[in-house]
Amino acid sequence: MANPLMNHLLASLPDSDFQVLLSCLQLTSLTAGETLAEAGQPSFKIYFPIDALVAHSREMEDGLAIDTASVGADGMLGCGGLSGTPLHRLYVSQSGFAYRMDIADLKSAMASHSNIADMCMAGMQQILRKISMELACSHFHSLHQRVARWLLAQSDYGQTDSLVVTHQAIANSLGVRREAVSLTLPKLDGFSVSRGRLEITTRNLLEKACCECYFQLK
């Protein structure tokens, strides 16, 4: 069974502070494609992923979108609801488990336990770091590098070399057209594709192809 201490932020708390949150945490199963929060809409839940992966997505009026940060067991989601309404859509990009709790309960705990407040600040700083890195990556690095980085990151978060992914899903995440991804993938080495499943076979080839951002956020 998924243990809340498998989330790195929760595991960073002293036991006395962790026990304060434990009774508020509820294990939930997240399904790929599921929306957890909409930009500009009130949000009332905080999520601590275990093996699920959740993306922050910024959507444009023309329908194009780009993932600005992805969070797994390394962080928390829903921080925007602590101070107002979320600025990004949150959606599940890899199915798995997470623990969730009411924002009201977390606010109450933050007010009386400084370690919990510090944990939330660390979670928010982590997301800001990922967003700034994604901005730089999308501006300075080629799609070839970004696709290689994306595949490796998905593998790391899911702790598997076998990915169920479509060209459209990669395009949606990177904020590009599907056709661009379809032209880029055949130029990369280190994986095979069969029946909708992508299998990473030689990681070092993808690592050579990706940009520095992968190693900085790893």
C-alpha atoms as a PDB file:
ATOM      1  CA  MET A   1       0.000   0.000   0.000  1.00  0.00           C
ATOM      2  CA  ALA A   2       1.201   3.522  -0.761  1.00  0.00           C
ATOM      3  CA  ASN A   3       2.770   5.161   2.269  1.00  0.00           C
ATOM      4  CA  PRO A   4       2.516   8.961   2.642  1.00  0.00           C
ATOM      5  CA  LEU A   5       6.201   9.020   3.591  1.00  0.00           C
ATOM      6  CA  MET A   6       6.963   7.986   0.006  1.00  0.00           C
ATOM      7  CA  ASN A   7       6.306  11.655  -0.793  1.00  0.00           C
ATOM      8  CA  HIS A   8       9.566  13.518  -0.285  1.00  0.00           C
ATOM      9  CA  LEU A   9       8.047  16.652   1.246  1.00  0.00           C
ATOM     10  CA  LEU A  10       5.991  14.741   3.785  1.00  0.00           C
ATOM     11  CA  ALA A  11       9.030  12.610   4.579  1.00  0.00           C
ATOM     12  CA  SER A  12      11.057  15.766   5.287  1.00  0.00           C
ATOM     13  CA  LEU A  13       8.837  16.683   8.260  1.00  0.00           C
ATOM     14  CA  PRO A  14       9.775  15.825  11.841  1.00  0.00           C
ATOM     15  CA  ASP A  15       7.555  12.986  13.040  1.00  0.00           C
ATOM     16  CA  SER A  16       5.557  15.206  15.401  1.00  0.00           C
ATOM     17  CA  ASP A  17       4.603  17.523  12.527  1.00  0.00           C
ATOM     18  CA  PHE A  18       3.915  14.620  10.183  1.00  0.00           C
ATOM     19  CA  GLN A  19       1.478  13.186  12.726  1.00  0.00           C
ATOM     20  CA  VAL A  20      -0.445  16.489  12.675  1.00  0.00           C
ATOM     21  CA  LEU A  21      -1.117  16.032   8.945  1.00  0.00           C
ATOM     22  CA  LEU A  22      -1.539  12.264   8.936  1.00  0.00           C
ATOM     23  CA  SER A  23      -5.148  12.243  10.128  1.00  0.00           C
ATOM     24  CA  CYS A  24      -6.058  14.718   7.360  1.00  0.00           C
ATOM     25  CA  LEU A  25      -4.468  12.756   4.512  1.00  0.00           C
ATOM     26  CA  GLN A  26      -6.655  10.618   2.271  1.00  0.00           C
ATOM     27  CA  LEU A  27      -5.232   8.145  -0.250  1.00  0.00           C
ATOM     28  CA  THR A  28      -6.702   8.652  -3.711  1.00  0.00           C
ATOM     29  CA  SER A  29      -6.178   7.054  -7.113  1.00  0.00           C
ATOM     30  CA  LEU A  30      -5.492   9.490  -9.949  1.00  0.00           C
ATOM     31  CA  THR A  31      -6.192   8.631 -13.587  1.00  0.00           C
ATOM     32  CA  ALA A  32      -4.226   9.977 -16.561  1.00  0.00           C
ATOM     33  CA  GLY A  33      -6.136  12.851 -18.154  1.00  0.00           C
ATOM     34  CA  GLU A  34      -8.042  13.698 -14.968  1.00  0.00           C
ATOM     35  CA  THR A  35      -8.264  17.422 -14.142  1.00  0.00           C
ATOM     36  CA  LEU A  36      -7.542  18.300 -10.506  1.00  0.00           C
ATOM     37  CA  ALA A  37      -7.914  22.082 -10.755  1.00  0.00           C
ATOM     38  CA  GLU A  38      -8.782  24.690 -13.375  1.00  0.00           C
ATOM     39  CA  ALA A  39      -6.979  28.003 -13.772  1.00  0.00           C
ATOM     40  CA  GLY A  40      -8.968  30.816 -12.199  1.00  0.00           C
ATOM     41  CA  GLN A  41     -11.377  28.481 -10.429  1.00  0.00           C
ATOM     42  CA  PRO A  42     -11.482  27.961  -6.636  1.00  0.00           C
ATOM     43  CA  SER A  43      -9.455  24.982  -5.462  1.00  0.00           C
ATOM     44  CA  PHE A  44      -9.962  23.270  -2.117  1.00  0.00           C
ATOM     45  CA  LYS A  45      -7.539  20.323  -2.184  1.00  0.00           C
ATOM     46  CA  ILE A  46      -3.797  19.816  -1.782  1.00  0.00           C
ATOM     47  CA  TYR A  47      -2.181  16.753  -3.368  1.00  0.00           C
ATOM     48  CA  PHE A  48       0.991  14.912  -2.380  1.00  0.00           C
ATOM     49  CA  PRO A  49       1.772  12.472  -5.236  1.00  0.00           C
ATOM     50  CA  ILE A  50       3.219   9.039  -4.515  1.00  0.00           C
ATOM     51  CA  ASP A  51       3.633   7.442  -7.942  1.00  0.00           C
ATOM     52  CA  ALA A  52       1.249   9.648  -9.934  1.00  0.00           C
ATOM     53  CA  LEU A  53       2.581  12.527 -12.037  1.00  0.00           C
ATOM     54  CA  VAL A  54       0.651  15.791 -12.266  1.00  0.00           C
ATOM     55  CA  ALA A  55       1.361  18.658 -14.659  1.00  0.00           C
ATOM     56  CA  HIS A  56       0.790  22.393 -14.419  1.00  0.00           C
ATOM     57  CA  SER A  57      -0.568  23.477 -17.798  1.00  0.00           C
ATOM     58  CA  ARG A  58      -0.995  26.959 -19.256  1.00  0.00           C
ATOM     59  CA  GLU A  59      -3.619  27.101 -22.007  1.00  0.00           C
ATOM     60  CA  MET A  60      -3.989  29.735 -24.733  1.00  0.00           C
ATOM     61  CA  GLU A  61      -7.144  30.989 -26.435  1.00  0.00           C
ATOM     62  CA  ASP A  62      -6.256  29.148 -29.662  1.00  0.00           C
ATOM     63  CA  GLY A  63      -6.322  25.827 -27.817  1.00  0.00           C
ATOM     64  CA  LEU A  64      -2.564  25.321 -27.615  1.00  0.00           C
ATOM     65  CA  ALA A  65      -1.145  24.568 -24.181  1.00  0.00           C
ATOM     66  CA  ILE A  66       2.220  23.940 -22.578  1.00  0.00           C
ATOM     67  CA  ASP A  67       3.169  22.146 -19.385  1.00  0.00           C
ATOM     68  CA  THR A  68       5.049  24.583 -17.170  1.00  0.00           C
ATOM     69  CA  ALA A  69       5.964  22.089 -14.427  1.00  0.00           C
ATOM     70  CA  SER A  70       5.469  18.425 -13.559  1.00  0.00           C
ATOM     71  CA  VAL A  71       5.290  17.197  -9.979  1.00  0.00           C
ATOM     72  CA  GLY A  72       5.547  13.667  -8.675  1.00  0.00           C
ATOM     73  CA  ALA A  73       6.668  12.232  -5.359  1.00  0.00           C
ATOM     74  CA  ASP A  74       9.162  15.091  -5.134  1.00  0.00           C
ATOM     75  CA  GLY A  75       6.529  17.707  -4.324  1.00  0.00           C
ATOM     76  CA  MET A  76       2.985  18.903  -3.727  1.00  0.00           C
ATOM     77  CA  LEU A  77       0.196  20.421  -5.809  1.00  0.00           C
ATOM     78  CA  GLY A  78      -2.597  22.898  -5.220  1.00  0.00           C
ATOM     79  CA  CYS A  79      -0.389  25.537  -3.610  1.00  0.00           C
ATOM     80  CA  GLY A  80      -2.174  28.238  -5.611  1.00  0.00           C
ATOM     81  CA  GLY A  81      -5.279  27.627  -3.543  1.00  0.00           C
ATOM     82  CA  LEU A  82      -3.428  28.649  -0.377  1.00  0.00           C
ATOM     83  CA  SER A  83      -3.393  32.299  -1.403  1.00  0.00           C
ATOM     84  CA  GLY A  84      -6.181  32.573  -3.962  1.00  0.00           C
ATOM     85  CA  THR A  85      -7.194  30.768  -7.132  1.00  0.00           C
ATOM     86  CA  PRO A  86      -4.821  28.578  -9.199  1.00  0.00           C
ATOM     87  CA  LEU A  87      -3.007  30.213 -12.107  1.00  0.00           C
ATOM     88  CA  HIS A  88      -2.607  26.924 -13.975  1.00  0.00           C
ATOM     89  CA  ARG A  89      -4.696  23.923 -14.848  1.00  0.00           C
ATOM     90  CA  LEU A  90      -3.567  20.813 -12.998  1.00  0.00           C
ATOM     91  CA  TYR A  91      -4.034  17.510 -14.799  1.00  0.00           C
ATOM     92  CA  VAL A  92      -2.795  13.972 -14.247  1.00  0.00           C
ATOM     93  CA  SER A  93      -0.206  12.966 -16.853  1.00  0.00           C
ATOM     94  CA  GLN A  94       0.646   9.563 -15.321  1.00  0.00           C
ATOM     95  CA  SER A  95      -1.856   7.466 -13.392  1.00  0.00           C
ATOM     96  CA  GLY A  96      -1.004   6.511  -9.843  1.00  0.00           C
ATOM     97  CA  PHE A  97      -1.678   7.294  -6.215  1.00  0.00           C
ATOM     98  CA  ALA A  98      -1.531  10.507  -4.223  1.00  0.00           C
ATOM     99  CA  TYR A  99      -2.559  11.680  -0.795  1.00  0.00           C
ATOM    100  CA  ARG A 100      -4.872  14.659  -0.640  1.00  0.00           C
ATOM    101  CA  MET A 101      -6.129  16.927   2.105  1.00  0.00           C
ATOM    102  CA  ASP A 102      -8.355  19.985   2.465  1.00  0.00           C
ATOM    103  CA  ILE A 103      -6.627  23.328   1.994  1.00  0.00           C
ATOM    104  CA  ALA A 104      -8.402  24.604   5.114  1.00  0.00           C
ATOM    105  CA  ASP A 105      -6.781  21.863   7.204  1.00  0.00           C
ATOM    106  CA  LEU A 106      -3.344  22.636   5.779  1.00  0.00           C
ATOM    107  CA  LYS A 107      -3.745  26.367   6.442  1.00  0.00           C
ATOM    108  CA  SER A 108      -4.676  25.619  10.033  1.00  0.00           C
ATOM    109  CA  ALA A 109      -1.642  23.370  10.469  1.00  0.00           C
ATOM    110  CA  MET A 110       0.665  25.959   8.879  1.00  0.00           C
ATOM    111  CA  ALA A 111      -0.518  28.619  11.316  1.00  0.00           C
ATOM    112  CA  SER A 112       0.562  26.636  14.369  1.00  0.00           C
ATOM    113  CA  HIS A 113       3.469  24.525  13.076  1.00  0.00           C
ATOM    114  CA  SER A 114       6.398  26.356  11.491  1.00  0.00           C
ATOM    115  CA  ASN A 115       7.912  23.174  10.026  1.00  0.00           C
ATOM    116  CA  ILE A 116       4.718  22.534   8.057  1.00  0.00           C
ATOM    117  CA  ALA A 117       4.733  26.129   6.818  1.00  0.00           C
ATOM    118  CA  ASP A 118       8.367  25.699   5.760  1.00  0.00           C
ATOM    119  CA  MET A 119       7.478  22.471   3.936  1.00  0.00           C
ATOM    120  CA  CYS A 120       4.783  24.280   1.941  1.00  0.00           C
ATOM    121  CA  MET A 121       7.192  27.094   1.112  1.00  0.00           C
ATOM    122  CA  ALA A 122       9.718  24.529  -0.124  1.00  0.00           C
ATOM    123  CA  GLY A 123       7.023  22.959  -2.300  1.00  0.00           C
ATOM    124  CA  MET A 124       6.092  26.306  -3.829  1.00  0.00           C
ATOM    125  CA  GLN A 125       9.731  27.256  -4.431  1.00  0.00           C
ATOM    126  CA  GLN A 126      10.289  23.934  -6.164  1.00  0.00           C
ATOM    127  CA  ILE A 127       7.399  24.599  -8.548  1.00  0.00           C
ATOM    128  CA  LEU A 128       8.672  28.117  -9.308  1.00  0.00           C
ATOM    129  CA  ARG A 129      12.109  26.668 -10.062  1.00  0.00           C
ATOM    130  CA  LYS A 130      10.594  24.149 -12.456  1.00  0.00           C
ATOM    131  CA  ILE A 131       8.516  26.834 -14.189  1.00  0.00           C
ATOM    132  CA  SER A 132      11.553  29.100 -14.679  1.00  0.00           C
ATOM    133  CA  MET A 133      13.578  26.166 -16.013  1.00  0.00           C
ATOM    134  CA  GLU A 134      10.793  25.214 -18.429  1.00  0.00           C
ATOM    135  CA  LEU A 135      10.640  28.801 -19.695  1.00  0.00           C
ATOM    136  CA  ALA A 136      14.367  28.852 -20.401  1.00  0.00           C
ATOM    137  CA  CYS A 137      14.300  25.374 -21.936  1.00  0.00           C
ATOM    138  CA  SER A 138      11.470  26.142 -24.353  1.00  0.00           C
ATOM    139  CA  HIS A 139      13.261  29.301 -25.499  1.00  0.00           C
ATOM    140  CA  PHE A 140      16.866  28.152 -25.820  1.00  0.00           C
ATOM    141  CA  HIS A 141      16.741  24.431 -26.597  1.00  0.00           C
ATOM    142  CA  SER A 142      15.674  22.547 -29.697  1.00  0.00           C
ATOM    143  CA  LEU A 143      12.619  20.334 -29.877  1.00  0.00           C
ATOM    144  CA  HIS A 144      14.994  17.408 -30.397  1.00  0.00           C
ATOM    145  CA  GLN A 145      16.578  18.115 -26.993  1.00  0.00           C
ATOM    146  CA  ARG A 146      13.256  18.798 -25.283  1.00  0.00           C
ATOM    147  CA  VAL A 147      11.629  15.560 -26.484  1.00  0.00           C
ATOM    148  CA  ALA A 148      14.623  13.542 -25.261  1.00  0.00           C
ATOM    149  CA  ARG A 149      14.430  15.307 -21.909  1.00  0.00           C
ATOM    150  CA  TRP A 150      10.670  14.730 -21.693  1.00  0.00           C
ATOM    151  CA  LEU A 151      11.008  10.984 -22.292  1.00  0.00           C
ATOM    152  CA  LEU A 152      13.716  10.642 -19.653  1.00  0.00           C
ATOM    153  CA  ALA A 153      11.772  12.682 -17.099  1.00  0.00           C
ATOM    154  CA  GLN A 154       8.626  10.630 -17.632  1.00  0.00           C
ATOM    155  CA  SER A 155      10.658   7.471 -17.156  1.00  0.00           C
ATOM    156  CA  ASP A 156      12.214   8.820 -13.954  1.00  0.00           C
ATOM    157  CA  TYR A 157       8.917   9.902 -12.421  1.00  0.00           C
ATOM    158  CA  GLY A 158       7.202   6.641 -13.276  1.00  0.00           C
ATOM    159  CA  GLN A 159      10.273   4.585 -12.341  1.00  0.00           C
ATOM    160  CA  THR A 160       9.869   2.563 -15.515  1.00  0.00           C
ATOM    161  CA  ASP A 161      11.463   2.395 -18.960  1.00  0.00           C
ATOM    162  CA  SER A 162       8.133   1.393 -20.507  1.00  0.00           C
ATOM    163  CA  LEU A 163       5.920   4.376 -21.351  1.00  0.00           C
ATOM    164  CA  VAL A 164       2.376   4.410 -22.709  1.00  0.00           C
ATOM    165  CA  VAL A 165       2.401   7.685 -24.600  1.00  0.00           C
ATOM    166  CA  THR A 166       1.128   9.242 -27.825  1.00  0.00           C
ATOM    167  CA  HIS A 167       2.673  11.851 -30.094  1.00  0.00           C
ATOM    168  CA  GLN A 168      -0.241  14.120 -29.201  1.00  0.00           C
ATOM    169  CA  ALA A 169       0.438  13.805 -25.471  1.00  0.00           C
ATOM    170  CA  ILE A 170       4.079  14.804 -25.969  1.00  0.00           C
ATOM    171  CA  ALA A 171       3.017  17.707 -28.185  1.00  0.00           C
ATOM    172  CA  ASN A 172       0.458  18.922 -25.659  1.00  0.00           C
ATOM    173  CA  SER A 173       3.036  18.831 -22.900  1.00  0.00           C
ATOM    174  CA  LEU A 174       5.702  20.697 -24.867  1.00  0.00           C
ATOM    175  CA  GLY A 175       3.338  23.230 -26.441  1.00  0.00           C
ATOM    176  CA  VAL A 176       4.024  22.243 -30.054  1.00  0.00           C
ATOM    177  CA  ARG A 177       2.119  20.669 -32.936  1.00  0.00           C
ATOM    178  CA  ARG A 178       1.778  16.891 -33.080  1.00  0.00           C
ATOM    179  CA  GLU A 179       3.373  16.869 -36.528  1.00  0.00           C
ATOM    180  CA  ALA A 180       6.553  18.396 -35.082  1.00  0.00           C
ATOM    181  CA  VAL A 181       6.816  15.588 -32.534  1.00  0.00           C
ATOM    182  CA  SER A 182       6.170  12.976 -35.228  1.00  0.00           C
ATOM    183  CA  LEU A 183       9.076  14.382 -37.244  1.00  0.00           C
ATOM    184  CA  THR A 184      11.386  14.576 -34.227  1.00  0.00           C
ATOM    185  CA  LEU A 185      10.965  11.129 -32.651  1.00  0.00           C
ATOM    186  CA  PRO A 186      12.477   9.125 -35.575  1.00  0.00           C
ATOM    187  CA  LYS A 187      15.635  11.244 -35.280  1.00  0.00           C
ATOM    188  CA  LEU A 188      16.213  10.123 -31.680  1.00  0.00           C
ATOM    189  CA  ASP A 189      17.943   6.911 -30.637  1.00  0.00           C
ATOM    190  CA  GLY A 190      17.711   4.861 -27.474  1.00  0.00           C
ATOM    191  CA  PHE A 191      14.141   3.579 -27.573  1.00  0.00           C
ATOM    192  CA  SER A 192      11.755   1.361 -29.502  1.00  0.00           C
ATOM    193  CA  VAL A 193       8.034   1.710 -30.139  1.00  0.00           C
ATOM    194  CA  SER A 194       5.522  -1.127 -30.360  1.00  0.00           C
ATOM    195  CA  ARG A 195       1.716  -1.109 -30.096  1.00  0.00           C
ATOM    196  CA  GLY A 196       1.497   2.327 -28.538  1.00  0.00           C
ATOM    197  CA  ARG A 197       4.180   1.612 -25.952  1.00  0.00           C
ATOM    198  CA  LEU A 198       7.569   3.302 -25.987  1.00  0.00           C
ATOM    199  CA  GLU A 199      10.407   1.299 -24.453  1.00  0.00           C
ATOM    200  CA  ILE A 200      13.605   3.090 -23.442  1.00  0.00           C
ATOM    201  CA  THR A 201      16.397   0.669 -24.309  1.00  0.00           C
ATOM    202  CA  THR A 202      19.583   2.757 -24.092  1.00  0.00           C
ATOM    203  CA  ARG A 203      19.258   5.666 -21.670  1.00  0.00           C
ATOM    204  CA  ASN A 204      22.699   7.118 -22.326  1.00  0.00           C
ATOM    205  CA  LEU A 205      21.763   7.813 -25.960  1.00  0.00           C
ATOM    206  CA  LEU A 206      18.774   9.874 -24.840  1.00  0.00           C
ATOM    207  CA  GLU A 207      20.907  11.559 -22.177  1.00  0.00           C
ATOM    208  CA  LYS A 208      23.391  12.609 -24.858  1.00  0.00           C
ATOM    209  CA  ALA A 209      20.548  14.023 -26.947  1.00  0.00           C
ATOM    210  CA  CYS A 210      18.761  15.956 -24.201  1.00  0.00           C
ATOM    211  CA  CYS A 211      19.559  19.395 -22.819  1.00  0.00           C
ATOM    212  CA  GLU A 212      21.210  20.405 -19.537  1.00  0.00           C
ATOM    213  CA  CYS A 213      17.788  21.068 -17.961  1.00  0.00           C
ATOM    214  CA  TYR A 214      17.217  17.356 -17.443  1.00  0.00           C
ATOM    215  CA  PHE A 215      20.301  17.006 -15.268  1.00  0.00           C
ATOM    216  CA  GLN A 216      19.620  20.216 -13.336  1.00  0.00           C
ATOM    217  CA  LEU A 217      16.107  19.114 -12.367  1.00  0.00           C
ATOM    218  CA  LYS A 218      16.896  15.427 -11.885  1.00  0.00           C
END
